[in-house]
PDB file of N, CA and C in Angstrom:
ATOM      1  N   MET A   1       5.907   8.495 -27.870  1.00  0.00           N
ATOM      2  CA  MET A   1       6.335   7.956 -26.507  1.00  0.00           C
ATOM      3  C   MET A   1       5.889   8.887 -25.431  1.00  0.00           C
ATOM      4  N   LYS A   2       5.751  10.192 -25.656  1.00  0.00           N
ATOM      5  CA  LYS A   2       5.310  11.196 -24.791  1.00  0.00           C
ATOM      6  C   LYS A   2       3.854  11.017 -24.371  1.00  0.00           C
ATOM      7  N   MET A   3       3.055  10.604 -25.302  1.00  0.00           N
ATOM      8  CA  MET A   3       1.697  10.163 -25.162  1.00  0.00           C
ATOM      9  C   MET A   3       1.428   8.996 -24.256  1.00  0.00           C
ATOM     10  N   MET A   4       2.297   8.099 -24.208  1.00  0.00           N
ATOM     11  CA  MET A   4       2.153   6.815 -23.382  1.00  0.00           C
ATOM     12  C   MET A   4       2.568   7.267 -22.054  1.00  0.00           C
ATOM     13  N   THR A   5       3.541   8.032 -21.932  1.00  0.00           N
ATOM     14  CA  THR A   5       3.900   8.597 -20.435  1.00  0.00           C
ATOM     15  C   THR A   5       2.808   9.378 -19.899  1.00  0.00           C
ATOM     16  N   TYR A   6       2.071  10.137 -20.668  1.00  0.00           N
ATOM     17  CA  TYR A   6       0.899  10.855 -20.070  1.00  0.00           C
ATOM     18  C   TYR A   6      -0.156   9.940 -19.714  1.00  0.00           C
ATOM     19  N   MET A   7      -0.503   8.930 -20.529  1.00  0.00           N
ATOM     20  CA  MET A   7      -1.426   7.938 -20.194  1.00  0.00           C
ATOM     21  C   MET A   7      -1.066   7.192 -19.044  1.00  0.00           C
ATOM     22  N   GLN A   8       0.011   6.876 -18.710  1.00  0.00           N
ATOM     23  CA  GLN A   8       0.553   6.209 -17.498  1.00  0.00           C
ATOM     24  C   GLN A   8       0.257   7.064 -16.356  1.00  0.00           C
ATOM     25  N   GLN A   9       0.574   8.318 -16.354  1.00  0.00           N
ATOM     26  CA  GLN A   9       0.367   9.303 -15.278  1.00  0.00           C
ATOM     27  C   GLN A   9      -1.244   9.407 -15.050  1.00  0.00           C
ATOM     28  N   VAL A  10      -1.948   9.376 -16.006  1.00  0.00           N
ATOM     29  CA  VAL A  10      -3.390   9.481 -15.839  1.00  0.00           C
ATOM     30  C   VAL A  10      -3.947   8.272 -15.114  1.00  0.00           C
ATOM     31  N   GLY A  11      -3.362   7.202 -15.652  1.00  0.00           N
ATOM     32  CA  GLY A  11      -3.722   5.753 -15.052  1.00  0.00           C
ATOM     33  C   GLY A  11      -3.393   5.771 -13.515  1.00  0.00           C
ATOM     34  N   ARG A  12      -2.242   6.279 -13.259  1.00  0.00           N
ATOM     35  CA  ARG A  12      -1.893   6.125 -11.697  1.00  0.00           C
ATOM     36  C   ARG A  12      -2.809   7.154 -10.934  1.00  0.00           C
ATOM     37  N   SER A  13      -2.958   8.301 -11.519  1.00  0.00           N
ATOM     38  CA  SER A  13      -3.866   9.122 -10.709  1.00  0.00           C
ATOM     39  C   SER A  13      -5.428   8.691 -10.467  1.00  0.00           C
ATOM     40  N   LEU A  14      -5.845   7.880 -11.287  1.00  0.00           N
ATOM     41  CA  LEU A  14      -6.936   7.214 -11.190  1.00  0.00           C
ATOM     42  C   LEU A  14      -6.973   5.957 -10.197  1.00  0.00           C
ATOM     43  N   MET A  15      -5.913   5.474 -10.085  1.00  0.00           N
ATOM     44  CA  MET A  15      -5.783   4.159  -9.184  1.00  0.00           C
ATOM     45  C   MET A  15      -5.767   4.507  -7.780  1.00  0.00           C
ATOM     46  N   ILE A  16      -5.135   5.885  -7.460  1.00  0.00           N
ATOM     47  CA  ILE A  16      -4.956   6.124  -6.041  1.00  0.00           C
ATOM     48  C   ILE A  16      -6.438   6.169  -5.243  1.00  0.00           C
ATOM     49  N   PRO A  17      -7.480   6.748  -5.731  1.00  0.00           N
ATOM     50  CA  PRO A  17      -8.739   7.089  -5.047  1.00  0.00           C
ATOM     51  C   PRO A  17      -9.449   5.734  -4.908  1.00  0.00           C
ATOM     52  N   ILE A  18      -9.056   4.778  -5.991  1.00  0.00           N
ATOM     53  CA  ILE A  18      -9.728   3.567  -5.950  1.00  0.00           C
ATOM     54  C   ILE A  18      -9.118   2.685  -4.898  1.00  0.00           C
ATOM     55  N   ALA A  19      -7.836   2.813  -4.574  1.00  0.00           N
ATOM     56  CA  ALA A  19      -7.101   2.114  -3.736  1.00  0.00           C
ATOM     57  C   ALA A  19      -7.374   2.686  -2.182  1.00  0.00           C
ATOM     58  N   VAL A  20      -7.734   3.778  -2.037  1.00  0.00           N
ATOM     59  CA  VAL A  20      -7.966   4.420  -0.739  1.00  0.00           C
ATOM     60  C   VAL A  20      -9.356   4.146  -0.203  1.00  0.00           C
ATOM     61  N   LEU A  21     -10.452   4.024  -1.052  1.00  0.00           N
ATOM     62  CA  LEU A  21     -11.815   4.024  -0.666  1.00  0.00           C
ATOM     63  C   LEU A  21     -11.875   2.687   0.179  1.00  0.00           C
ATOM     64  N   PRO A  22     -11.415   1.427  -0.139  1.00  0.00           N
ATOM     65  CA  PRO A  22     -11.716   0.350   0.814  1.00  0.00           C
ATOM     66  C   PRO A  22     -11.033   0.636   2.198  1.00  0.00           C
ATOM     67  N   ALA A  23      -9.901   1.148   2.232  1.00  0.00           N
ATOM     68  CA  ALA A  23      -9.329   1.474   3.641  1.00  0.00           C
ATOM     69  C   ALA A  23     -10.276   2.498   4.343  1.00  0.00           C
ATOM     70  N   ALA A  24     -10.864   3.501   3.595  1.00  0.00           N
ATOM     71  CA  ALA A  24     -11.680   4.421   4.394  1.00  0.00           C
ATOM     72  C   ALA A  24     -12.866   3.699   4.924  1.00  0.00           C
ATOM     73  N   SER A  25     -13.605   2.700   4.112  1.00  0.00           N
ATOM     74  CA  SER A  25     -14.602   2.218   4.600  1.00  0.00           C
ATOM     75  C   SER A  25     -14.433   1.232   5.705  1.00  0.00           C
ATOM     76  N   ILE A  26     -13.284   0.557   5.749  1.00  0.00           N
ATOM     77  CA  ILE A  26     -12.820  -0.201   7.060  1.00  0.00           C
ATOM     78  C   ILE A  26     -12.709   0.645   8.223  1.00  0.00           C
ATOM     79  N   LEU A  27     -12.163   1.726   8.090  1.00  0.00           N
ATOM     80  CA  LEU A  27     -12.072   2.734   9.126  1.00  0.00           C
ATOM     81  C   LEU A  27     -13.434   3.174   9.696  1.00  0.00           C
ATOM     82  N   VAL A  28     -14.353   3.418   8.764  1.00  0.00           N
ATOM     83  CA  VAL A  28     -15.618   3.754   9.374  1.00  0.00           C
ATOM     84  C   VAL A  28     -16.261   2.733   9.919  1.00  0.00           C
ATOM     85  N   ARG A  29     -16.089   1.502   9.420  1.00  0.00           N
ATOM     86  CA  ARG A  29     -16.757   0.405  10.161  1.00  0.00           C
ATOM     87  C   ARG A  29     -16.106   0.108  11.556  1.00  0.00           C
ATOM     88  N   ILE A  30     -14.700   0.212  11.569  1.00  0.00           N
ATOM     89  CA  ILE A  30     -14.077   0.046  12.978  1.00  0.00           C
ATOM     90  C   ILE A  30     -14.702   1.140  13.836  1.00  0.00           C
ATOM     91  N   GLY A  31     -14.946   2.438  13.433  1.00  0.00           N
ATOM     92  CA  GLY A  31     -15.480   3.283  14.209  1.00  0.00           C
ATOM     93  C   GLY A  31     -16.704   3.187  14.783  1.00  0.00           C
ATOM     94  N   ASP A  32     -17.584   2.221  14.301  1.00  0.00           N
ATOM     95  CA  ASP A  32     -18.937   1.910  14.751  1.00  0.00           C
ATOM     96  C   ASP A  32     -18.786   0.976  16.093  1.00  0.00           C
ATOM     97  N   ILE A  33     -17.675   0.557  16.411  1.00  0.00           N
ATOM     98  CA  ILE A  33     -17.681  -0.317  17.431  1.00  0.00           C
ATOM     99  C   ILE A  33     -18.065   0.394  18.712  1.00  0.00           C
ATOM    100  N   LYS A  34     -18.855  -0.236  19.603  1.00  0.00           N
ATOM    101  CA  LYS A  34     -19.263   0.308  20.823  1.00  0.00           C
ATOM    102  C   LYS A  34     -18.729  -0.453  22.015  1.00  0.00           C
ATOM    103  N   SER A  35     -18.097   0.094  22.950  1.00  0.00           N
ATOM    104  CA  SER A  35     -17.431  -0.660  24.090  1.00  0.00           C
ATOM    105  C   SER A  35     -17.587   0.093  25.288  1.00  0.00           C
ATOM    106  N   ASN A  36     -17.462  -0.606  26.405  1.00  0.00           N
ATOM    107  CA  ASN A  36     -17.449  -0.001  27.760  1.00  0.00           C
ATOM    108  C   ASN A  36     -15.954   0.479  27.985  1.00  0.00           C
ATOM    109  N   ILE A  37     -15.001   0.026  27.286  1.00  0.00           N
ATOM    110  CA  ILE A  37     -13.581   0.570  27.655  1.00  0.00           C
ATOM    111  C   ILE A  37     -13.306   1.772  26.997  1.00  0.00           C
ATOM    112  N   PRO A  38     -12.970   2.846  28.019  1.00  0.00           N
ATOM    113  CA  PRO A  38     -12.745   4.225  27.289  1.00  0.00           C
ATOM    114  C   PRO A  38     -11.756   4.344  26.199  1.00  0.00           C
ATOM    115  N   TRP A  39     -10.677   3.646  26.198  1.00  0.00           N
ATOM    116  CA  TRP A  39      -9.672   3.946  25.082  1.00  0.00           C
ATOM    117  C   TRP A  39     -10.142   3.152  23.954  1.00  0.00           C
ATOM    118  N   VAL A  40     -10.933   2.078  23.874  1.00  0.00           N
ATOM    119  CA  VAL A  40     -11.489   1.455  22.678  1.00  0.00           C
ATOM    120  C   VAL A  40     -12.427   2.452  22.009  1.00  0.00           C
ATOM    121  N   ASP A  41     -13.220   3.142  22.926  1.00  0.00           N
ATOM    122  CA  ASP A  41     -14.207   4.125  22.342  1.00  0.00           C
ATOM    123  C   ASP A  41     -13.476   5.329  21.465  1.00  0.00           C
ATOM    124  N   THR A  42     -12.279   5.687  22.257  1.00  0.00           N
ATOM    125  CA  THR A  42     -11.454   6.784  21.802  1.00  0.00           C
ATOM    126  C   THR A  42     -10.970   6.317  20.379  1.00  0.00           C
ATOM    127  N   ALA A  43     -10.331   5.203  20.420  1.00  0.00           N
ATOM    128  CA  ALA A  43      -9.684   4.709  19.281  1.00  0.00           C
ATOM    129  C   ALA A  43     -10.626   4.516  18.145  1.00  0.00           C
ATOM    130  N   ALA A  44     -11.847   4.007  18.473  1.00  0.00           N
ATOM    131  CA  ALA A  44     -12.992   3.897  17.482  1.00  0.00           C
ATOM    132  C   ALA A  44     -13.333   5.075  16.717  1.00  0.00           C
ATOM    133  N   SER A  45     -13.511   6.127  17.793  1.00  0.00           N
ATOM    134  CA  SER A  45     -13.934   7.506  17.167  1.00  0.00           C
ATOM    135  C   SER A  45     -12.902   8.064  16.221  1.00  0.00           C
ATOM    136  N   VAL A  46     -11.517   8.002  16.598  1.00  0.00           N
ATOM    137  CA  VAL A  46     -10.542   8.449  15.746  1.00  0.00           C
ATOM    138  C   VAL A  46     -10.455   7.726  14.306  1.00  0.00           C
ATOM    139  N   CYS A  47     -10.847   6.351  14.405  1.00  0.00           N
ATOM    140  CA  CYS A  47     -10.857   5.742  13.088  1.00  0.00           C
ATOM    141  C   CYS A  47     -12.045   6.127  12.375  1.00  0.00           C
ATOM    142  N   LYS A  48     -13.209   6.457  12.915  1.00  0.00           N
ATOM    143  CA  LYS A  48     -14.518   6.920  12.180  1.00  0.00           C
ATOM    144  C   LYS A  48     -14.160   8.289  11.622  1.00  0.00           C
ATOM    145  N   LEU A  49     -13.530   9.143  12.375  1.00  0.00           N
ATOM    146  CA  LEU A  49     -13.239  10.463  11.790  1.00  0.00           C
ATOM    147  C   LEU A  49     -12.340  10.360  10.742  1.00  0.00           C
ATOM    148  N   GLY A  50     -11.261   9.612  10.808  1.00  0.00           N
ATOM    149  CA  GLY A  50     -10.307   9.245   9.686  1.00  0.00           C
ATOM    150  C   GLY A  50     -11.019   8.738   8.474  1.00  0.00           C
ATOM    151  N   GLY A  51     -11.819   7.838   8.569  1.00  0.00           N
ATOM    152  CA  GLY A  51     -12.601   7.305   7.426  1.00  0.00           C
ATOM    153  C   GLY A  51     -13.525   8.286   6.811  1.00  0.00           C
ATOM    154  N   ASN A  52     -14.264   9.087   7.658  1.00  0.00           N
ATOM    155  CA  ASN A  52     -15.162  10.020   7.204  1.00  0.00           C
ATOM    156  C   ASN A  52     -14.363  11.167   6.490  1.00  0.00           C
ATOM    157  N   ALA A  53     -13.118  11.582   6.891  1.00  0.00           N
ATOM    158  CA  ALA A  53     -12.574  12.627   6.262  1.00  0.00           C
ATOM    159  C   ALA A  53     -12.248  12.253   4.579  1.00  0.00           C
ATOM    160  N   ILE A  54     -12.161  10.913   4.517  1.00  0.00           N
ATOM    161  CA  ILE A  54     -11.813  10.503   3.184  1.00  0.00           C
ATOM    162  C   ILE A  54     -13.145  10.545   2.273  1.00  0.00           C
ATOM    163  N   PHE A  55     -14.329  10.212   2.931  1.00  0.00           N
ATOM    164  CA  PHE A  55     -15.606  10.307   2.209  1.00  0.00           C
ATOM    165  C   PHE A  55     -15.946  11.714   2.116  1.00  0.00           C
TER     166      PHE A  55
END
């Protein structure tokens, strides 16, 4: 039973990066938005920085 618990923990630790990568790519893509509105540019910059931090 101890081996099964260990394997479940390994499986969970492998799922976390796989779940985070799509969110990071969405943030990077949102960060590529160009706009004439200053707050939109600022928000896009923050999103891009957050996405790039994960990659």
